[in-house]
Amino acid sequence: MKEHNINWRSFDDEGALNRQWNMPATPTFFIIDRTGTIRHKWIGKPSENSIDKALDKLILETEQAASAN
């Protein structure tokens, strides 16, 4: 992670993690919310726009939940 300047968690596993998370192919991308729930999953490389839209939606939901409390 330091070598490639990656500041998010990244895993490369062909064993238990792949089976547990039902990852049929590499790459597989996930967006996981603050509660640990998988909110989005892409098998293969998603478009930049689809990641942005999914993150924008999750951020908006989080902001709305925070302002409701």
Protein backbone atom coordinates (compact mmCIF):
# COMPACT_ATOMS: atom_id res chain seq x y z
CA MET A 1 0.00 0.00 0.00
CA LYS A 2 2.83 2.40 0.80
CA GLU A 3 4.64 1.51 -2.41
CA HIS A 4 1.65 2.53 -4.56
CA ASN A 5 0.42 5.34 -2.27
CA ILE A 6 -2.95 3.66 -1.66
CA ASN A 7 -4.81 5.27 1.21
CA TRP A 8 -7.69 2.82 1.40
CA ARG A 9 -7.87 -0.79 2.43
CA SER A 10 -7.07 -3.10 -0.43
CA PHE A 11 -6.96 -6.90 -0.40
CA ASP A 12 -5.66 -9.45 -2.85
CA ASP A 13 -6.74 -12.90 -1.76
CA GLU A 14 -7.60 -16.08 -3.59
CA GLY A 15 -8.78 -17.97 -0.53
CA ALA A 16 -10.97 -17.36 2.49
CA LEU A 17 -11.68 -13.68 1.84
CA ASN A 18 -12.82 -14.36 -1.72
CA ARG A 19 -15.19 -17.10 -0.55
CA GLN A 20 -16.53 -15.09 2.38
CA TRP A 21 -17.28 -12.01 0.27
CA ASN A 22 -18.46 -13.99 -2.78
CA MET A 23 -15.90 -12.49 -5.15
CA PRO A 24 -16.15 -14.37 -8.45
CA ALA A 25 -13.48 -12.33 -10.26
CA THR A 26 -10.65 -9.89 -9.83
CA PRO A 27 -10.94 -7.00 -9.72
CA THR A 28 -14.04 -6.68 -7.58
CA PHE A 29 -14.81 -3.30 -6.04
CA PHE A 30 -16.95 -2.64 -2.98
CA ILE A 31 -18.31 0.46 -1.31
CA ILE A 32 -18.86 -0.28 2.36
CA ASP A 33 -20.79 2.12 4.56
CA ARG A 34 -19.84 3.22 8.07
CA THR A 35 -21.77 0.30 9.60
CA GLY A 36 -19.80 -2.24 7.55
CA THR A 37 -22.65 -2.98 5.13
CA ILE A 38 -21.71 -3.58 1.51
CA ARG A 39 -23.67 -0.91 -0.36
CA HIS A 40 -22.29 -1.41 -3.85
CA LYS A 41 -20.34 -4.16 -5.58
CA TRP A 42 -18.78 -4.14 -9.02
CA ILE A 43 -17.28 -7.19 -10.68
CA GLY A 44 -14.60 -5.93 -13.00
CA LYS A 45 -13.61 -2.32 -13.35
CA PRO A 46 -16.50 0.11 -12.77
CA SER A 47 -16.66 3.38 -14.61
CA GLU A 48 -15.43 6.41 -12.71
CA ASN A 49 -18.89 7.92 -13.04
CA SER A 50 -20.59 4.93 -11.41
CA ILE A 51 -18.26 5.09 -8.39
CA ASP A 52 -18.81 8.84 -8.06
CA LYS A 53 -22.61 8.45 -8.25
CA ALA A 54 -22.62 5.66 -5.65
CA LEU A 55 -20.40 7.65 -3.28
CA ASP A 56 -22.45 10.83 -3.75
CA LYS A 57 -25.63 8.92 -2.88
CA LEU A 58 -24.07 7.38 0.22
CA ILE A 59 -22.64 10.73 1.37
CA LEU A 60 -26.04 12.40 0.92
CA GLU A 61 -27.77 9.64 2.92
CA THR A 62 -25.19 9.98 5.69
CA GLU A 63 -25.54 13.77 5.80
CA GLN A 64 -29.34 13.51 5.93
CA ALA A 65 -29.18 10.95 8.74
CA ALA A 66 -26.77 13.15 10.70
CA SER A 67 -28.96 16.25 10.33
CA ALA A 68 -32.06 14.27 11.42
CA ASN A 69 -30.39 13.41 14.73
